[in-house]
Amino acid sequence: MIRPIVKSPVLLAMPSADATPADAAVGQDLLDTLAAHAHECVGLAANMIGVRKRIVVAECASGAQLMYNPEIIEASGEYRTEESCLSLEGVRSCTRYRRIRVAYLDEAFRPREKTFTGFDAQIVQHEIDHCNGVVI
């Protein structure tokens, strides 16, 4: 289901709780909502559609990557950049890493680890920030 995008900085600044298998439908809603906004967006976190759970989706070079309870476990290559967000107006400065390793649960809630680089890493970092209540 395509969900409306939350625009409230107050709601977006609230950290999210861990996802469970009962939240699997939210993952599908994120995929559907991302597809509907593909012309203007490359990633979403569950709080952006009104659900305070640690669930993100990122449109990476290999396709849409759905992750439950993602955590960055390694990062290297710090740099400064500017980003925009579907939930916010304008562009903001932030610090990112060129390479990150993420531990997460996949769509079947199996533990996984994956390394992301370049723009894919930037997207994933932005969405994990959302889970942590960090608003760029």
C-alpha atoms as a PDB file:
ATOM      1  CA  MET A   1       0.000   0.000   0.000  1.00  0.00           C
ATOM      2  CA  ILE A   2       1.242   3.481  -0.859  1.00  0.00           C
ATOM      3  CA  ARG A   3       1.316   5.590   2.305  1.00  0.00           C
ATOM      4  CA  PRO A   4       1.425   9.372   2.766  1.00  0.00           C
ATOM      5  CA  ILE A   5       4.796  10.918   3.610  1.00  0.00           C
ATOM      6  CA  VAL A   6       5.232  12.342   7.122  1.00  0.00           C
ATOM      7  CA  LYS A   7       6.553  15.918   7.063  1.00  0.00           C
ATOM      8  CA  SER A   8       6.686  16.710  10.809  1.00  0.00           C
ATOM      9  CA  PRO A   9      10.271  17.237  12.065  1.00  0.00           C
ATOM     10  CA  VAL A  10       9.034  16.476  15.600  1.00  0.00           C
ATOM     11  CA  LEU A  11       7.741  13.028  14.610  1.00  0.00           C
ATOM     12  CA  LEU A  12      10.782  12.317  12.438  1.00  0.00           C
ATOM     13  CA  ALA A  13      13.117  13.126  15.358  1.00  0.00           C
ATOM     14  CA  MET A  14      11.674  10.321  17.498  1.00  0.00           C
ATOM     15  CA  PRO A  15      13.857   7.166  17.479  1.00  0.00           C
ATOM     16  CA  SER A  16      12.227   4.002  16.163  1.00  0.00           C
ATOM     17  CA  ALA A  17      11.692   0.670  17.934  1.00  0.00           C
ATOM     18  CA  ASP A  18      13.023  -2.639  16.637  1.00  0.00           C
ATOM     19  CA  ALA A  19      10.931  -4.341  13.978  1.00  0.00           C
ATOM     20  CA  THR A  20       9.548  -7.868  14.403  1.00  0.00           C
ATOM     21  CA  PRO A  21       8.067 -10.308  11.885  1.00  0.00           C
ATOM     22  CA  ALA A  22       4.677  -8.770  12.736  1.00  0.00           C
ATOM     23  CA  ASP A  23       5.938  -5.630  10.936  1.00  0.00           C
ATOM     24  CA  ALA A  24       6.574  -7.364   7.595  1.00  0.00           C
ATOM     25  CA  ALA A  25       3.646  -5.559   5.948  1.00  0.00           C
ATOM     26  CA  VAL A  26       5.322  -2.230   6.708  1.00  0.00           C
ATOM     27  CA  GLY A  27       8.293  -3.363   4.625  1.00  0.00           C
ATOM     28  CA  GLN A  28       6.002  -3.964   1.669  1.00  0.00           C
ATOM     29  CA  ASP A  29       4.337  -0.579   2.218  1.00  0.00           C
ATOM     30  CA  LEU A  30       7.802   1.039   2.107  1.00  0.00           C
ATOM     31  CA  LEU A  31       8.600  -0.717  -1.178  1.00  0.00           C
ATOM     32  CA  ASP A  32       5.247   0.362  -2.657  1.00  0.00           C
ATOM     33  CA  THR A  33       5.638   3.954  -1.444  1.00  0.00           C
ATOM     34  CA  LEU A  34       9.223   4.163  -2.724  1.00  0.00           C
ATOM     35  CA  ALA A  35       8.094   2.915  -6.154  1.00  0.00           C
ATOM     36  CA  ALA A  36       5.375   5.583  -6.218  1.00  0.00           C
ATOM     37  CA  HIS A  37       7.980   8.278  -5.476  1.00  0.00           C
ATOM     38  CA  ALA A  38      10.781   6.873  -7.674  1.00  0.00           C
ATOM     39  CA  HIS A  39      10.925  10.110  -9.662  1.00  0.00           C
ATOM     40  CA  GLU A  40      11.972  12.077  -6.554  1.00  0.00           C
ATOM     41  CA  CYS A  41      13.254   9.639  -3.923  1.00  0.00           C
ATOM     42  CA  VAL A  42      15.850   6.851  -3.541  1.00  0.00           C
ATOM     43  CA  GLY A  43      15.124   5.652  -0.008  1.00  0.00           C
ATOM     44  CA  LEU A  44      12.583   5.591   2.792  1.00  0.00           C
ATOM     45  CA  ALA A  45      12.446   4.729   6.460  1.00  0.00           C
ATOM     46  CA  ALA A  46       9.300   3.538   8.212  1.00  0.00           C
ATOM     47  CA  ASN A  47       8.938   6.719  10.264  1.00  0.00           C
ATOM     48  CA  MET A  48       8.578   8.613   6.983  1.00  0.00           C
ATOM     49  CA  ILE A  49       5.285   6.753   6.452  1.00  0.00           C
ATOM     50  CA  GLY A  50       4.161   7.126  10.065  1.00  0.00           C
ATOM     51  CA  VAL A  51       5.482   3.872  11.572  1.00  0.00           C
ATOM     52  CA  ARG A  52       8.161   4.160  14.271  1.00  0.00           C
ATOM     53  CA  LYS A  53       9.930   0.882  13.492  1.00  0.00           C
ATOM     54  CA  ARG A  54      13.519   0.252  12.360  1.00  0.00           C
ATOM     55  CA  ILE A  55      12.720  -0.600   8.738  1.00  0.00           C
ATOM     56  CA  VAL A  56      14.333   0.974   5.667  1.00  0.00           C
ATOM     57  CA  VAL A  57      14.341   0.544   1.931  1.00  0.00           C
ATOM     58  CA  ALA A  58      17.048   1.929  -0.372  1.00  0.00           C
ATOM     59  CA  GLU A  59      17.074   1.932  -4.163  1.00  0.00           C
ATOM     60  CA  CYS A  60      20.623   0.672  -4.702  1.00  0.00           C
ATOM     61  CA  ALA A  61      22.440  -0.109  -7.940  1.00  0.00           C
ATOM     62  CA  SER A  62      21.400  -3.766  -7.523  1.00  0.00           C
ATOM     63  CA  GLY A  63      17.734  -2.885  -6.888  1.00  0.00           C
ATOM     64  CA  ALA A  64      15.562  -2.086  -3.889  1.00  0.00           C
ATOM     65  CA  GLN A  65      17.176  -3.224  -0.635  1.00  0.00           C
ATOM     66  CA  LEU A  66      14.737  -3.856   2.260  1.00  0.00           C
ATOM     67  CA  MET A  67      16.295  -4.043   5.723  1.00  0.00           C
ATOM     68  CA  TYR A  68      14.774  -4.645   9.138  1.00  0.00           C
ATOM     69  CA  ASN A  69      16.708  -3.358  12.193  1.00  0.00           C
ATOM     70  CA  PRO A  70      19.734  -2.114  10.216  1.00  0.00           C
ATOM     71  CA  GLU A  71      22.853  -1.092  12.136  1.00  0.00           C
ATOM     72  CA  ILE A  72      26.077   0.306  10.721  1.00  0.00           C
ATOM     73  CA  ILE A  73      28.850  -1.875  12.148  1.00  0.00           C
ATOM     74  CA  GLU A  74      31.773  -0.440  10.198  1.00  0.00           C
ATOM     75  CA  ALA A  75      32.386   2.819   8.330  1.00  0.00           C
ATOM     76  CA  SER A  76      35.323   4.374   6.482  1.00  0.00           C
ATOM     77  CA  GLY A  77      36.095   7.259   4.150  1.00  0.00           C
ATOM     78  CA  GLU A  78      34.389  10.174   5.883  1.00  0.00           C
ATOM     79  CA  TYR A  79      33.295  13.094   3.683  1.00  0.00           C
ATOM     80  CA  ARG A  80      30.948  16.085   3.750  1.00  0.00           C
ATOM     81  CA  THR A  81      28.007  16.326   1.365  1.00  0.00           C
ATOM     82  CA  GLU A  82      24.549  17.826   0.965  1.00  0.00           C
ATOM     83  CA  GLU A  83      21.296  15.895   0.911  1.00  0.00           C
ATOM     84  CA  SER A  84      17.621  16.461   0.493  1.00  0.00           C
ATOM     85  CA  CYS A  85      14.780  14.425   1.967  1.00  0.00           C
ATOM     86  CA  LEU A  86      11.266  13.697   0.776  1.00  0.00           C
ATOM     87  CA  SER A  87      10.001  14.600   4.268  1.00  0.00           C
ATOM     88  CA  LEU A  88      11.790  17.966   4.424  1.00  0.00           C
ATOM     89  CA  GLU A  89      12.189  21.059   2.277  1.00  0.00           C
ATOM     90  CA  GLY A  90      15.553  22.191   1.028  1.00  0.00           C
ATOM     91  CA  VAL A  91      19.070  20.773   1.126  1.00  0.00           C
ATOM     92  CA  ARG A  92      21.184  20.210   4.241  1.00  0.00           C
ATOM     93  CA  SER A  93      24.860  19.492   4.913  1.00  0.00           C
ATOM     94  CA  CYS A  94      25.869  16.240   6.571  1.00  0.00           C
ATOM     95  CA  THR A  95      28.784  13.869   7.118  1.00  0.00           C
ATOM     96  CA  ARG A  96      28.739  10.480   5.388  1.00  0.00           C
ATOM     97  CA  TYR A  97      31.102   7.559   4.794  1.00  0.00           C
ATOM     98  CA  ARG A  98      32.114   6.172   1.402  1.00  0.00           C
ATOM     99  CA  ARG A  99      32.031   2.553   2.647  1.00  0.00           C
ATOM    100  CA  ILE A 100      29.798   1.045   5.315  1.00  0.00           C
ATOM    101  CA  ARG A 101      29.053  -2.448   6.548  1.00  0.00           C
ATOM    102  CA  VAL A 102      25.510  -3.018   7.776  1.00  0.00           C
ATOM    103  CA  ALA A 103      24.051  -5.800   9.907  1.00  0.00           C
ATOM    104  CA  TYR A 104      20.308  -6.257   9.342  1.00  0.00           C
ATOM    105  CA  LEU A 105      17.476  -8.738   8.979  1.00  0.00           C
ATOM    106  CA  ASP A 106      16.346  -9.506   5.427  1.00  0.00           C
ATOM    107  CA  GLU A 107      12.751  -9.826   4.179  1.00  0.00           C
ATOM    108  CA  ALA A 108      12.517 -13.300   5.806  1.00  0.00           C
ATOM    109  CA  PHE A 109      13.997 -11.897   9.064  1.00  0.00           C
ATOM    110  CA  ARG A 110      17.257 -13.797   8.584  1.00  0.00           C
ATOM    111  CA  PRO A 111      20.437 -12.089   9.840  1.00  0.00           C
ATOM    112  CA  ARG A 112      22.610 -10.617   7.090  1.00  0.00           C
ATOM    113  CA  GLU A 113      25.592  -8.332   6.651  1.00  0.00           C
ATOM    114  CA  LYS A 114      26.300  -6.314   3.543  1.00  0.00           C
ATOM    115  CA  THR A 115      28.872  -3.746   2.463  1.00  0.00           C
ATOM    116  CA  PHE A 116      27.625  -0.646   0.653  1.00  0.00           C
ATOM    117  CA  THR A 117      29.840   1.851  -1.159  1.00  0.00           C
ATOM    118  CA  GLY A 118      29.447   5.201  -2.889  1.00  0.00           C
ATOM    119  CA  PHE A 119      25.955   6.552  -3.416  1.00  0.00           C
ATOM    120  CA  ASP A 120      24.359   3.298  -2.168  1.00  0.00           C
ATOM    121  CA  ALA A 121      26.192   3.803   1.152  1.00  0.00           C
ATOM    122  CA  GLN A 122      24.976   7.396   1.326  1.00  0.00           C
ATOM    123  CA  ILE A 123      21.344   6.366   0.818  1.00  0.00           C
ATOM    124  CA  VAL A 124      21.533   3.643   3.475  1.00  0.00           C
ATOM    125  CA  GLN A 125      23.179   6.004   5.995  1.00  0.00           C
ATOM    126  CA  HIS A 126      20.447   8.599   5.440  1.00  0.00           C
ATOM    127  CA  GLU A 127      17.691   6.046   6.070  1.00  0.00           C
ATOM    128  CA  ILE A 128      19.396   4.546   9.145  1.00  0.00           C
ATOM    129  CA  ASP A 129      19.678   8.092  10.499  1.00  0.00           C
ATOM    130  CA  HIS A 130      15.879   8.305  10.198  1.00  0.00           C
ATOM    131  CA  CYS A 131      15.559   5.166  12.349  1.00  0.00           C
ATOM    132  CA  ASN A 132      17.724   6.848  14.983  1.00  0.00           C
ATOM    133  CA  GLY A 133      15.667  10.047  14.953  1.00  0.00           C
ATOM    134  CA  VAL A 134      18.421  11.988  13.179  1.00  0.00           C
ATOM    135  CA  VAL A 135      16.960  14.579  10.833  1.00  0.00           C
ATOM    136  CA  ILE A 136      19.489  16.080   8.408  1.00  0.00           C
END
